[in-house]
Protein backbone atom coordinates (compact mmCIF):
# COMPACT_ATOMS: atom_id res chain seq x y z
CA MET A 1 1.97 42.44 -38.81
CA ARG A 2 4.39 43.59 -36.16
CA HIS A 3 2.07 42.23 -33.49
CA GLY A 4 2.09 38.83 -35.24
CA ARG A 5 5.91 38.73 -35.33
CA LEU A 6 5.96 39.59 -31.62
CA GLN A 7 3.62 36.67 -30.86
CA ASP A 8 5.81 34.33 -32.92
CA LEU A 9 8.88 35.49 -31.02
CA ARG A 10 7.13 34.84 -27.69
CA MET A 11 6.17 31.36 -28.90
CA TYR A 12 9.78 30.57 -29.87
CA VAL A 13 11.02 31.80 -26.49
CA TRP A 14 8.44 29.70 -24.67
CA CYS A 15 9.37 26.59 -26.68
CA PHE A 16 13.07 27.21 -26.03
CA VAL A 17 12.50 27.60 -22.28
CA SER A 18 10.38 24.42 -22.17
CA LEU A 19 12.99 22.44 -24.08
CA ALA A 20 15.74 23.77 -21.83
CA LEU A 21 13.76 22.72 -18.75
CA VAL A 22 13.26 19.17 -20.03
CA LEU A 23 16.94 18.85 -21.03
CA SER A 24 17.96 20.20 -17.62
CA LEU A 25 15.83 17.60 -15.87
CA LEU A 26 17.27 14.80 -17.99
CA TRP A 27 20.83 16.04 -17.38
CA CYS A 28 20.21 16.21 -13.62
CA GLU A 29 18.80 12.68 -13.74
CA THR A 30 21.90 11.42 -15.55
CA GLN A 31 24.19 13.12 -13.04
CA ALA A 32 22.18 11.72 -10.13
CA TRP A 33 22.43 8.17 -11.44
CA ALA A 34 26.16 8.61 -12.08
CA LYS A 35 26.62 9.14 -8.32
CA SER A 36 23.80 6.88 -7.17
CA ASP A 37 24.03 4.10 -4.63
CA TYR A 38 21.22 2.33 -6.46
CA GLU A 39 20.97 0.09 -9.50
CA ILE A 40 17.88 0.21 -11.70
CA ILE A 41 16.62 -2.91 -13.51
CA ASN A 42 13.89 -3.08 -16.13
CA THR A 43 12.62 -6.65 -15.80
CA GLY A 44 10.50 -6.53 -18.96
CA ILE A 45 7.63 -8.01 -16.93
CA LYS A 46 4.24 -6.35 -17.30
CA GLY A 47 2.43 -5.28 -14.16
CA GLY A 48 3.20 -5.01 -10.48
CA GLY A 49 2.86 -7.37 -7.55
CA CYS A 50 3.92 -7.69 -3.91
CA TRP A 51 6.94 -8.63 -1.80
CA TYR A 52 6.49 -12.11 -0.30
CA ASP A 53 9.87 -11.76 1.41
CA ASP A 54 13.22 -10.22 0.50
CA THR A 55 14.02 -12.81 -2.16
CA HIS A 56 10.57 -13.42 -3.66
CA PHE A 57 8.46 -10.90 -5.55
CA ILE A 58 5.00 -12.09 -6.62
CA VAL A 59 3.51 -11.10 -9.97
CA ILE A 60 0.31 -11.91 -11.85
CA LYS A 61 1.33 -12.93 -15.34
CA GLY A 62 -1.10 -12.37 -18.17
CA GLN A 63 -2.08 -10.08 -20.98
CA GLN A 64 -4.67 -7.52 -22.01
CA PRO A 65 -5.97 -8.51 -25.46
CA ALA A 66 -6.89 -4.93 -26.40
CA PRO A 67 -7.32 -1.55 -24.69
CA GLY A 68 -10.45 -1.52 -22.58
CA GLN A 69 -10.69 -5.31 -22.43
CA GLU A 70 -10.32 -7.31 -19.21
CA PHE A 71 -6.85 -8.47 -18.25
CA GLU A 72 -6.45 -12.21 -18.96
CA VAL A 73 -4.56 -13.98 -16.16
CA GLU A 74 -2.19 -16.81 -16.97
CA GLY A 75 -1.17 -17.54 -13.38
CA LEU A 76 0.81 -16.49 -10.33
CA TYR A 77 4.60 -16.30 -10.63
CA TYR A 78 7.52 -15.27 -8.48
CA LEU A 79 11.03 -14.05 -9.13
CA ASN A 80 14.18 -13.58 -7.11
CA PRO A 81 15.11 -9.92 -7.70
CA ALA A 82 18.78 -10.90 -7.86
CA LYS A 83 17.88 -13.32 -10.70
CA TYR A 84 14.90 -11.50 -12.18
CA GLN A 85 15.13 -13.32 -15.53
CA GLU A 86 14.12 -16.60 -13.83
CA LEU A 87 10.36 -16.22 -13.54
CA LYS A 88 8.84 -19.29 -11.87
CA GLN A 89 5.19 -20.29 -11.74
CA ILE A 90 3.51 -20.97 -8.40
CA ASP A 91 1.74 -24.32 -8.37
CA LEU A 92 -1.88 -23.64 -7.40
CA SER A 93 -3.17 -27.19 -7.84
CA PRO A 94 -5.68 -28.59 -7.13
CA MET A 95 -7.34 -25.33 -8.29
CA GLU A 96 -8.67 -25.77 -11.82
CA PRO A 97 -6.77 -23.81 -14.52
CA ALA A 98 -9.99 -22.01 -15.51
CA LEU A 99 -10.39 -20.78 -11.93
CA GLN A 100 -6.75 -19.68 -11.75
CA ARG A 101 -7.36 -17.42 -14.73
CA GLN A 102 -9.94 -15.49 -12.68
CA ILE A 103 -7.50 -14.42 -9.94
CA LYS A 104 -7.83 -10.82 -8.78
CA GLU A 105 -6.16 -8.43 -6.32
CA VAL A 106 -3.06 -10.26 -5.12
CA THR A 107 -1.42 -9.03 -1.89
CA CYS A 108 1.23 -10.39 0.49
CA GLN A 109 1.11 -10.58 4.29
CA ASP A 110 3.46 -12.43 6.65
CA GLU A 111 5.01 -14.53 3.85
CA THR A 112 1.55 -15.50 2.67
CA ILE A 113 -0.04 -14.71 -0.70
CA LEU A 114 -3.70 -13.65 -0.68
CA PHE A 115 -6.00 -13.46 -3.69
CA TYR A 116 -9.67 -13.87 -4.54
CA VAL A 117 -11.98 -15.07 -7.30
CA MET A 118 -15.66 -14.33 -7.70
CA ALA A 119 -18.16 -17.10 -6.93
CA PRO A 120 -20.18 -18.31 -9.96
CA ASP A 121 -23.31 -16.45 -8.78
CA ARG A 122 -21.24 -13.23 -8.35
CA LYS A 123 -22.85 -12.68 -4.94
CA THR A 124 -19.80 -13.65 -2.89
CA SER A 125 -16.06 -13.70 -3.39
CA ARG A 126 -13.74 -16.56 -2.46
CA LEU A 127 -10.59 -15.57 -0.65
CA TYR A 128 -7.56 -17.87 -0.86
CA SER A 129 -4.16 -17.99 0.83
CA VAL A 130 -1.07 -19.84 -0.36
CA LYS A 131 2.58 -20.11 0.59
CA ILE A 132 5.32 -20.77 -1.94
CA GLY A 133 5.69 -24.55 -2.09
CA GLY A 134 2.31 -25.16 -0.46
CA GLN A 135 -1.24 -25.66 -1.66
CA PRO A 136 -3.85 -22.88 -1.84
CA GLU A 137 -6.44 -22.82 0.93
CA LEU A 138 -9.92 -21.33 0.79
CA ILE A 139 -10.10 -19.10 3.86
CA ALA A 140 -13.42 -17.30 3.27
CA ASP A 141 -16.40 -17.31 0.93
CA MET A 142 -18.55 -14.28 1.72
CA ARG A 143 -19.71 -10.92 0.46
CA TRP A 144 -16.80 -8.55 -0.13
CA ALA A 145 -14.02 -10.94 0.92
CA ARG A 146 -10.92 -9.14 -0.34
CA PRO A 147 -7.19 -9.51 0.42
CA SER A 148 -7.15 -5.87 1.54
CA ALA A 149 -9.86 -6.69 4.11
CA VAL A 150 -8.06 -9.53 5.91
CA SER A 151 -5.53 -9.41 8.74
CA ILE A 152 -3.48 -12.58 9.18
CA LYS A 153 -2.00 -11.33 12.46
CA GLY A 154 -5.45 -10.29 13.70
CA GLN A 155 -6.98 -13.54 12.36
CA TYR A 156 -10.08 -11.94 10.90
CA VAL A 157 -11.79 -11.10 7.61
CA LEU A 158 -13.79 -7.90 7.31
CA GLY A 159 -17.07 -8.36 5.45
CA ASN A 160 -19.94 -6.12 4.36
CA LYS A 161 -23.58 -6.25 5.41
CA LEU A 162 -24.63 -3.78 2.74
CA THR A 163 -25.63 -4.47 -0.85
CA VAL A 164 -26.73 -1.97 -3.45
CA ASP A 165 -29.44 -2.48 -6.06
CA LYS A 166 -30.07 0.33 -8.57
CA GLY A 167 -28.54 2.86 -6.21
CA VAL A 168 -30.51 1.75 -3.14
CA TRP A 169 -28.41 0.46 -0.25
CA GLU A 170 -29.89 -2.35 1.82
CA GLU A 171 -28.49 -3.88 5.00
CA HIS A 172 -28.67 -7.64 5.53
CA SER A 173 -28.39 -9.63 8.72
CA ASP A 174 -25.08 -11.22 7.70
CA CYS A 175 -22.40 -11.00 5.03
CA ASN A 176 -23.77 -13.93 3.01
CA LEU A 177 -21.13 -16.04 4.74
CA LYS A 178 -20.81 -19.46 3.11
CA PHE A 179 -17.43 -20.58 4.44
CA LEU A 180 -14.82 -19.43 6.95
CA HIS A 181 -11.52 -21.17 7.70
CA SER A 182 -11.11 -22.45 11.26
CA GLY A 183 -9.14 -20.08 13.44
CA LEU A 184 -10.51 -17.01 11.68
CA LYS A 185 -13.45 -14.82 12.56
CA THR A 186 -15.52 -12.58 10.38
CA LEU A 187 -16.27 -8.96 11.19
CA CYS A 188 -19.60 -8.51 9.47
CA TRP A 189 -20.03 -4.74 9.49
CA PRO A 190 -22.08 -2.37 7.34
CA ARG A 191 -19.58 -0.81 4.98
CA ASP A 192 -21.35 2.48 4.36
CA THR A 193 -18.26 4.18 2.99
CA ILE A 194 -15.61 3.00 0.59
CA SER A 195 -12.45 3.51 2.63
CA GLN A 196 -11.37 1.05 5.32
CA TRP A 197 -7.91 0.00 6.53
CA VAL A 198 -7.31 -3.15 8.56
CA THR A 199 -4.64 -3.68 11.23
CA PRO A 200 -4.20 -6.58 13.69
CA GLN A 201 -5.87 -4.72 16.59
CA PHE A 202 -8.04 -2.08 14.91
CA VAL A 203 -9.95 -1.13 11.80
CA VAL A 204 -9.68 2.43 10.53
CA SER A 205 -12.82 3.48 8.69
CA GLU A 206 -14.09 6.58 6.97
CA TYR A 207 -17.47 7.76 8.21
CA LEU A 208 -19.78 9.83 6.02
CA TRP A 209 -23.25 10.97 6.97
CA ARG A 210 -25.50 11.76 4.02
CA GLY A 211 -28.26 14.34 4.28
CA SER A 212 -30.49 12.36 1.92
CA ILE A 213 -30.78 8.67 1.06
CA LEU A 214 -32.46 6.49 -1.54
CA VAL A 215 -35.25 4.17 -0.36
CA ARG A 216 -37.50 1.70 -2.17
CA ASP A 217 -41.26 1.64 -1.66
CA LYS A 218 -43.50 -1.45 -1.68
CA ASP A 219 -43.90 -1.19 -5.47
CA GLY A 220 -40.14 -1.32 -5.97
CA LYS A 221 -39.80 2.32 -6.95
CA SER A 222 -36.93 4.29 -5.47
CA SER A 223 -37.11 7.82 -4.19
CA ARG A 224 -34.82 10.16 -2.30
CA ILE A 225 -35.78 11.25 1.19
CA LEU A 226 -34.14 13.14 4.05
CA ASN A 227 -31.96 10.84 6.10
CA PRO A 228 -34.03 9.86 9.18
CA LYS A 229 -30.84 8.96 11.09
CA SER A 230 -28.90 11.68 12.85
CA PRO A 231 -25.15 12.09 12.36
CA LEU A 232 -22.90 9.99 14.54
CA LYS A 233 -22.12 11.25 18.02
CA LEU A 234 -18.66 10.58 19.40
CA PRO A 235 -18.13 9.50 23.03
CA ASP A 236 -17.48 13.13 24.00
CA GLY A 237 -20.83 14.18 22.52
CA THR A 238 -19.38 15.78 19.38
CA GLU A 239 -21.51 15.34 16.26
CA LEU A 240 -19.60 13.91 13.28
CA LYS A 241 -20.74 14.10 9.66
CA GLN A 242 -17.48 13.10 8.00
CA GLY A 243 -14.27 11.81 9.50
CA TYR A 244 -11.98 8.87 10.23
CA LEU A 245 -12.57 6.52 13.14
CA LEU A 246 -10.46 3.97 14.95
CA ARG A 247 -12.64 0.98 15.84
CA ASP A 248 -11.78 -2.12 17.87
CA LEU A 249 -12.60 -5.58 16.56
CA GLU A 250 -16.02 -5.43 18.24
CA ASN A 251 -16.88 -2.40 16.06
CA ARG A 252 -16.73 -0.04 19.01
CA ILE A 253 -15.43 3.46 18.33
CA VAL A 254 -12.15 3.96 20.14
CA GLN A 255 -11.47 7.49 18.92
CA GLU A 256 -11.65 9.88 16.01
CA ILE A 257 -8.44 10.24 14.00
CA PRO A 258 -7.96 13.95 13.30
CA THR A 259 -7.08 15.23 9.83
CA LYS A 260 -6.11 18.68 11.05
CA GLN A 261 -4.08 19.24 14.16
CA GLY A 262 -2.01 22.22 15.21
CA LEU A 263 0.30 23.16 12.35
CA TYR A 264 -0.33 19.91 10.43
CA GLN A 265 -3.08 18.90 8.03
CA LEU A 266 -3.61 15.69 6.06
CA ILE A 267 -4.10 15.86 2.30
CA ASN A 268 -6.07 13.54 -0.02
CA VAL A 269 -6.39 11.00 2.77
CA SER A 270 -5.19 7.55 1.75
CA PHE A 271 -3.72 5.95 4.82
CA LYS A 272 -1.04 3.29 4.86
CA SER A 273 -0.10 1.23 7.89
CA ASP A 274 3.14 -0.60 8.55
CA PRO A 275 2.95 -4.44 8.48
CA GLN A 276 2.66 -4.68 12.28
CA GLY A 277 -0.19 -2.16 12.37
CA GLN A 278 1.69 -0.05 14.87
CA TYR A 279 1.44 3.22 12.94
CA LEU A 280 -0.86 4.81 10.40
CA TYR A 281 1.01 6.89 7.80
CA SER A 282 -0.31 9.73 5.64
CA VAL A 283 0.83 12.57 3.40
CA CYS A 284 0.59 15.86 5.28
CA PHE A 285 1.61 19.50 5.06
CA LYS A 286 2.61 22.07 7.61
CA ALA A 287 1.38 25.64 7.88
CA GLY A 288 3.57 27.87 5.74
CA ASP A 289 4.64 25.09 3.35
CA HIS A 290 2.90 26.77 0.42
CA GLY A 291 3.88 30.36 1.13
CA ASP A 292 0.95 32.62 0.36
CA ARG A 293 -0.66 30.14 -2.06
CA TYR A 294 -3.61 27.90 -1.25
CA LEU A 295 -2.69 24.42 -2.47
CA THR A 296 -4.14 21.03 -1.60
CA VAL A 297 -0.84 19.15 -1.83
CA GLY A 298 1.55 17.77 0.75
CA GLY A 299 5.31 17.30 0.78
CA ARG A 300 5.65 15.66 4.20
CA ILE A 301 4.87 12.25 5.70
CA CYS A 302 3.26 12.05 9.13
CA ARG A 303 2.35 9.03 11.26
CA PHE A 304 -0.19 8.30 14.01
CA LEU A 305 0.48 5.75 16.76
CA LEU A 306 -2.37 3.21 16.87
CA ASP A 307 -2.69 2.40 20.56
CA GLY A 308 -6.16 3.81 21.24
CA LYS A 309 -4.67 6.56 23.40
CA ASN A 310 -2.51 8.64 21.10
CA GLN A 311 -3.96 11.98 20.00
CA ALA A 312 -1.19 13.47 17.87
CA TRP A 313 0.29 13.08 14.43
CA GLU A 314 4.08 13.31 14.27
CA GLU A 315 6.17 14.28 11.26
CA VAL A 316 8.42 11.52 9.91
CA VAL A 317 10.09 13.25 6.99
CA SER A 318 9.81 16.32 4.77
CA VAL A 319 10.57 15.93 1.06
CA GLN A 320 9.69 19.54 0.34
CA GLN A 321 12.68 21.86 0.73
CA SER A 322 11.07 25.27 0.27
CA PRO A 323 7.62 26.96 0.36
CA LYS A 324 8.36 28.02 -3.22
CA ASP A 325 8.63 24.39 -4.31
CA PRO A 326 5.68 22.44 -2.83
CA PHE A 327 5.51 18.71 -3.39
CA SER A 328 2.50 16.48 -4.02
CA LEU A 329 3.21 13.00 -2.62
CA HIS A 330 1.15 9.88 -3.32
CA ASN A 331 1.16 6.04 -3.17
CA LEU A 332 2.99 5.38 0.09
CA SER A 333 4.56 2.02 0.86
CA VAL A 334 6.04 1.27 4.31
CA ASN A 335 7.96 -1.75 5.58
CA ALA A 336 8.32 -3.03 9.14
CA GLN A 337 11.42 -0.97 9.88
CA GLY A 338 9.78 2.27 8.76
CA ASP A 339 11.36 2.72 5.32
CA ILE A 340 8.99 4.58 2.99
CA VAL A 341 8.74 4.94 -0.78
CA MET A 342 6.40 7.40 -2.46
CA ILE A 343 5.53 9.01 -5.81
CA GLU A 344 5.71 12.78 -6.36
CA ARG A 345 3.49 14.09 -9.14
CA GLY A 346 0.92 16.71 -9.98
CA HIS A 347 2.49 20.07 -10.67
CA ARG A 348 5.73 19.63 -12.62
CA PRO A 349 6.79 17.92 -15.87
CA ALA A 350 8.64 15.16 -13.99
CA ILE A 351 7.07 12.35 -11.97
CA SER A 352 9.52 11.19 -9.30
CA LEU A 353 10.08 8.19 -7.05
CA TRP A 354 11.38 9.04 -3.57
CA ARG A 355 12.67 6.93 -0.70
CA TYR A 356 13.05 7.57 3.02
CA THR A 357 15.39 5.26 4.96
CA ALA A 358 14.42 5.07 8.62
CA GLN A 359 17.81 4.02 9.98
CA SER A 360 19.77 6.88 8.39
CA LYS A 361 16.77 9.28 8.26
CA ARG A 362 17.85 10.08 4.71
CA VAL A 363 15.41 11.04 1.97
CA GLU A 364 16.48 10.81 -1.66
CA LYS A 365 15.09 10.71 -5.17
CA LEU A 366 15.59 7.33 -6.83
CA THR A 367 14.47 8.18 -10.35
CA HIS A 368 11.97 10.18 -12.38
CA VAL A 369 10.24 10.15 -15.74
CA ILE A 370 9.10 13.00 -17.94
CA SER A 371 5.35 13.32 -18.52
CA PRO A 372 3.41 11.71 -20.20
CA ASP A 373 5.33 8.68 -18.86
CA VAL A 374 4.06 7.54 -15.48
CA LEU A 375 5.30 5.79 -12.36
CA GLY A 376 3.02 3.85 -10.04
CA ALA A 377 2.55 1.07 -7.48
CA PRO A 378 5.82 1.61 -5.55
CA GLN A 379 6.70 -0.96 -2.89
CA VAL A 380 9.68 -1.37 -0.59
CA SER A 381 10.94 -4.85 0.33
CA PRO A 382 10.90 -6.02 3.98
CA ASN A 383 14.62 -5.40 4.56
CA GLY A 384 14.69 -2.25 2.42
CA ARG A 385 17.20 -3.59 -0.08
CA TRP A 386 14.79 -3.45 -3.01
CA VAL A 387 12.17 -1.05 -4.29
CA SER A 388 9.71 -2.03 -7.01
CA VAL A 389 7.76 0.40 -9.18
CA VAL A 390 5.75 0.17 -12.39
CA ARG A 391 6.77 2.40 -15.29
CA GLU A 392 4.52 2.34 -18.35
CA SER A 393 3.22 -1.13 -17.35
CA GLN A 394 6.77 -2.48 -16.92
CA LEU A 395 8.03 -3.79 -13.57
CA ILE A 396 11.16 -1.90 -12.47
CA LEU A 397 13.37 -3.11 -9.61
CA ILE A 398 15.78 -0.75 -7.85
CA GLU A 399 18.50 -2.21 -5.63
CA SER A 400 20.18 -0.37 -2.80
CA LYS A 401 23.83 -1.32 -3.00
CA GLY A 402 24.41 -0.43 0.62
CA VAL A 403 21.83 -2.89 1.99
CA LYS A 404 22.88 -6.53 2.35
CA PRO A 405 20.52 -9.47 2.86
C-alpha cells in the first residue's frame, strides 16, 4: 500500500514537472515575441509554396477531400505578403482546366514558376514553366522530368535512363524523350540512387553500390544475384561503395564530396544549394558537440564551395550553445545573400524555427510550437524580409521589420 502511494506521488511530481516545462516554454515564447523584431501572420491558406520574388509568393490552392485521399488542385495562385488577403489566380490558359487540376511539385527559379503533370500514359512527365502575366510553356516531356531536376541558369533538364518493373531496374538507351524546348539540353543519366541536387555548373549525386541486384531471366522471372559490377573507383584509385559525388554536365566525376572531415561531420545528408549554385549547405556537427553522448544530430550549418577544386567544408553558423543541449536541425532554405532558415526538432517538446542573417551574422529563434503541433517547409524570401513556414497545414508568414524592400 505504501509502495502504491509512493508511485502515485512520483507520478504527480512527474506531471507537475512536465506541466511546468510546457508553461515555461510558452512563457519564454511570449516574452520573446514581446521583444521581437518580427511580425507573425497566419494567412489562413492551406499548404506551402515558393517565393517567386520578394512581393510574390506562389501557392497551390486546393483541398484534400478526406485523410489519405489525393489532394485536389484548384489552380496556381499568388499573394503579395504585404497584402496576403488578396489571393490572385495565375492564368494558365491555354492549358485545359482538367490538366491544371493535375499540377504537382511547384518550385520557383529566377522569377519563373516550374511545375509538372503526368502524361496520359504515365510513362513520362510534362514539365512546364510560366511567368506571372505570361503563358505556360512546355519545356520538357520525358521520363522523370521534375522541377527539382531542372536548372534554368544551367539550361538543362536532368532525366533518368532507369525504369523499375516489379523491383527489377532496367537501363534504357534514352530517357523516353518526347519533347525538349529549344535552348535546353537534357542530361539523360542513369539515376541509380534517389538523391540528386542540380546547380548551374554541376550535379551533386549520391552513389550507392549494392552487393546484390535483381535480374530477370528469359522467362520473366526475377532472381537476386551478386552484383557483377565492381564498386566505383575514384580518379585517385580509391574504391567507393557509398558517397556523394560532384559531376560536371558531361557526367564526369569532378570529385568526391566528403561527409566527414577533420572535426566536422555531416548528419542526415540533405543538401541545399544557394540559388546561384555557388555553395552546397548541410547540417553538421563538430567533435565535442554532444559531450560524452553518441548522437546523430547536428546543431551547426556548414557549406562547401562548388568550384571543382575546394576540398573543405566551412562552418557558417552554430545554433547549439552547449554540449549539454544538442540541436537537431532540418529543412534548410538559403537565399542568394546567404540567409538561412531551418527547423529544429527531434529531442525536445518544442519544434522551433530558426533564422541566420548573413549580413549581421546573427542567429535567432523566430517561433516554436509545442508537440504534437508541427512546423515544416520553411523558406526565406530573396531579400530576406520574409520567411514562410507551414504550421498544421496553414501558411505562416513572418516579416522582419528591420528589412526594407
